[in-house]
Structure formats: structure tokens, C-alpha cells
Amino acid sequence: MVVRSKMSVSNPINGKIMKVEFIVSDMTCGHCVQSITEAVQACEPDAGVVAVTATHRVTVEPVRNPAAIEAAIRDAGYSPVLA
């Protein structure tokens, strides 16, 4: 399953768009994807999230604070590891 959320890139940081990728081995279904997407967008409202359950990969772009994204995924009950 691949889920893509909307992405708004109206305000790039220093002319660059930062991207972060996590492996979330306990993301196994559509509900997991939805929970992670909602958690990420709660702390980075303009971020686009691509989550692929087959590879357990979550990509977030643009990101201002990767540590906050990781914490948000953890707070949602998952175990992200930087890819």
C-alpha cells in the first residue's frame, strides 16, 4: 500500500527543501499509515508524507525539524529509524 498526502512547498528553507526518510518496521497496514501521516502533519502541517507499507518506508518533505518528526511518529506508537 502506498499513500501520498498533499504537499505544499510555498516556503522552502534557505532555498532548499529538506527531506527525511524513516524505516518504520511496525507500520504494516493502512491504519498505521493514516496514524503516522496524521502525527507527522500535526507537527509539520505543510509536509508531504509518502508511506509504503511493503518497504516500511516513510518519506517526509519538506521538513524543518527531523527530530520532531521522529518524536511524533514515536508518540503515535511506532518505532522509526532513520533510513
C-alpha atoms as a PDB file:
ATOM      1  CA  MET A   1       0.000   0.000   0.000  1.00  0.00           C
ATOM      2  CA  VAL A   2       1.289   3.459  -0.928  1.00  0.00           C
ATOM      3  CA  VAL A   3      -0.394   6.558   0.438  1.00  0.00           C
ATOM      4  CA  ARG A   4       0.557  10.063  -0.617  1.00  0.00           C
ATOM      5  CA  SER A   5      -0.640  13.176   1.104  1.00  0.00           C
ATOM      6  CA  LYS A   6      -0.820  16.652  -0.369  1.00  0.00           C
ATOM      7  CA  MET A   7       2.398  18.630  -0.420  1.00  0.00           C
ATOM      8  CA  SER A   8       2.730  22.384  -0.271  1.00  0.00           C
ATOM      9  CA  VAL A   9       6.157  23.824  -0.971  1.00  0.00           C
ATOM     10  CA  SER A  10       5.497  27.521  -0.709  1.00  0.00           C
ATOM     11  CA  ASN A  11       8.261  28.379   1.715  1.00  0.00           C
ATOM     12  CA  PRO A  12      11.483  26.431   1.140  1.00  0.00           C
ATOM     13  CA  ILE A  13      14.183  26.741   3.788  1.00  0.00           C
ATOM     14  CA  ASN A  14      17.278  28.621   2.584  1.00  0.00           C
ATOM     15  CA  GLY A  15      16.260  27.789  -0.972  1.00  0.00           C
ATOM     16  CA  LYS A  16      16.448  24.070  -0.145  1.00  0.00           C
ATOM     17  CA  ILE A  17      13.794  21.536   0.633  1.00  0.00           C
ATOM     18  CA  MET A  18      14.888  19.097   3.289  1.00  0.00           C
ATOM     19  CA  LYS A  19      13.677  15.510   3.068  1.00  0.00           C
ATOM     20  CA  VAL A  20      13.844  12.822   5.731  1.00  0.00           C
ATOM     21  CA  GLU A  21      13.218   9.081   5.398  1.00  0.00           C
ATOM     22  CA  PHE A  22      12.463   6.571   8.109  1.00  0.00           C
ATOM     23  CA  ILE A  23      12.102   2.817   8.213  1.00  0.00           C
ATOM     24  CA  VAL A  24       9.105   2.041  10.399  1.00  0.00           C
ATOM     25  CA  SER A  25       9.112  -1.747  10.696  1.00  0.00           C
ATOM     26  CA  ASP A  26       5.892  -1.807  12.710  1.00  0.00           C
ATOM     27  CA  MET A  27       3.940   0.105  10.019  1.00  0.00           C
ATOM     28  CA  THR A  28       2.007  -2.772   8.481  1.00  0.00           C
ATOM     29  CA  CYS A  29      -1.392  -1.539   7.280  1.00  0.00           C
ATOM     30  CA  GLY A  30      -3.448   1.400   6.090  1.00  0.00           C
ATOM     31  CA  HIS A  31      -4.401   2.354   9.625  1.00  0.00           C
ATOM     32  CA  CYS A  32      -0.718   2.601  10.548  1.00  0.00           C
ATOM     33  CA  VAL A  33      -0.111   4.820   7.513  1.00  0.00           C
ATOM     34  CA  GLN A  34      -3.007   7.069   8.467  1.00  0.00           C
ATOM     35  CA  SER A  35      -1.839   7.356  12.080  1.00  0.00           C
ATOM     36  CA  ILE A  36       1.734   8.190  11.058  1.00  0.00           C
ATOM     37  CA  THR A  37       0.607  10.681   8.409  1.00  0.00           C
ATOM     38  CA  GLU A  38      -1.639  12.474  10.893  1.00  0.00           C
ATOM     39  CA  ALA A  39       1.118  12.558  13.515  1.00  0.00           C
ATOM     40  CA  VAL A  40       3.658  13.981  11.055  1.00  0.00           C
ATOM     41  CA  GLN A  41       1.286  16.598   9.700  1.00  0.00           C
ATOM     42  CA  ALA A  42       0.343  17.689  13.219  1.00  0.00           C
ATOM     43  CA  CYS A  43       3.919  18.885  13.750  1.00  0.00           C
ATOM     44  CA  GLU A  44       4.761  19.750  10.099  1.00  0.00           C
ATOM     45  CA  PRO A  45       1.445  20.924   8.556  1.00  0.00           C
ATOM     46  CA  ASP A  46       2.963  21.681   5.143  1.00  0.00           C
ATOM     47  CA  ALA A  47       4.813  18.371   4.871  1.00  0.00           C
ATOM     48  CA  GLY A  48       4.014  15.777   2.282  1.00  0.00           C
ATOM     49  CA  VAL A  49       4.145  12.212   3.519  1.00  0.00           C
ATOM     50  CA  VAL A  50       4.747   9.118   1.385  1.00  0.00           C
ATOM     51  CA  ALA A  51       4.339   5.873   3.294  1.00  0.00           C
ATOM     52  CA  VAL A  52       4.900   2.450   1.706  1.00  0.00           C
ATOM     53  CA  THR A  53       3.864  -0.490   3.854  1.00  0.00           C
ATOM     54  CA  ALA A  54       5.657  -3.036   1.638  1.00  0.00           C
ATOM     55  CA  THR A  55       9.037  -1.456   2.382  1.00  0.00           C
ATOM     56  CA  HIS A  56       8.076   0.118   5.725  1.00  0.00           C
ATOM     57  CA  ARG A  57       9.492   3.393   4.415  1.00  0.00           C
ATOM     58  CA  VAL A  58       8.102   6.818   5.348  1.00  0.00           C
ATOM     59  CA  THR A  59       9.378   9.854   3.443  1.00  0.00           C
ATOM     60  CA  VAL A  60       8.558  13.364   4.627  1.00  0.00           C
ATOM     61  CA  GLU A  61       9.255  16.532   2.643  1.00  0.00           C
ATOM     62  CA  PRO A  62       9.760  19.415   3.342  1.00  0.00           C
ATOM     63  CA  VAL A  63      10.969  19.090   6.923  1.00  0.00           C
ATOM     64  CA  ARG A  64      12.133  21.807   9.255  1.00  0.00           C
ATOM     65  CA  ASN A  65      12.881  19.590  12.252  1.00  0.00           C
ATOM     66  CA  PRO A  66      13.619  15.883  11.617  1.00  0.00           C
ATOM     67  CA  ALA A  67      13.831  15.146  15.355  1.00  0.00           C
ATOM     68  CA  ALA A  68      10.287  16.460  15.833  1.00  0.00           C
ATOM     69  CA  ILE A  69       9.061  14.193  13.027  1.00  0.00           C
ATOM     70  CA  GLU A  70      10.735  11.178  14.602  1.00  0.00           C
ATOM     71  CA  ALA A  71       9.252  12.063  18.004  1.00  0.00           C
ATOM     72  CA  ALA A  72       5.782  12.476  16.503  1.00  0.00           C
ATOM     73  CA  ILE A  73       5.970   9.011  14.910  1.00  0.00           C
ATOM     74  CA  ARG A  74       7.166   7.539  18.224  1.00  0.00           C
ATOM     75  CA  ASP A  75       4.377   9.310  20.119  1.00  0.00           C
ATOM     76  CA  ALA A  76       1.897   7.729  17.689  1.00  0.00           C
ATOM     77  CA  GLY A  77       3.156   4.341  18.894  1.00  0.00           C
ATOM     78  CA  TYR A  78       5.641   3.370  16.173  1.00  0.00           C
ATOM     79  CA  SER A  79       9.398   2.768  16.032  1.00  0.00           C
ATOM     80  CA  PRO A  80      11.009   4.955  13.354  1.00  0.00           C
ATOM     81  CA  VAL A  81      14.668   4.546  12.412  1.00  0.00           C
ATOM     82  CA  LEU A  82      16.384   6.988  10.053  1.00  0.00           C
ATOM     83  CA  ALA A  83      16.831   5.340   6.674  1.00  0.00           C
END
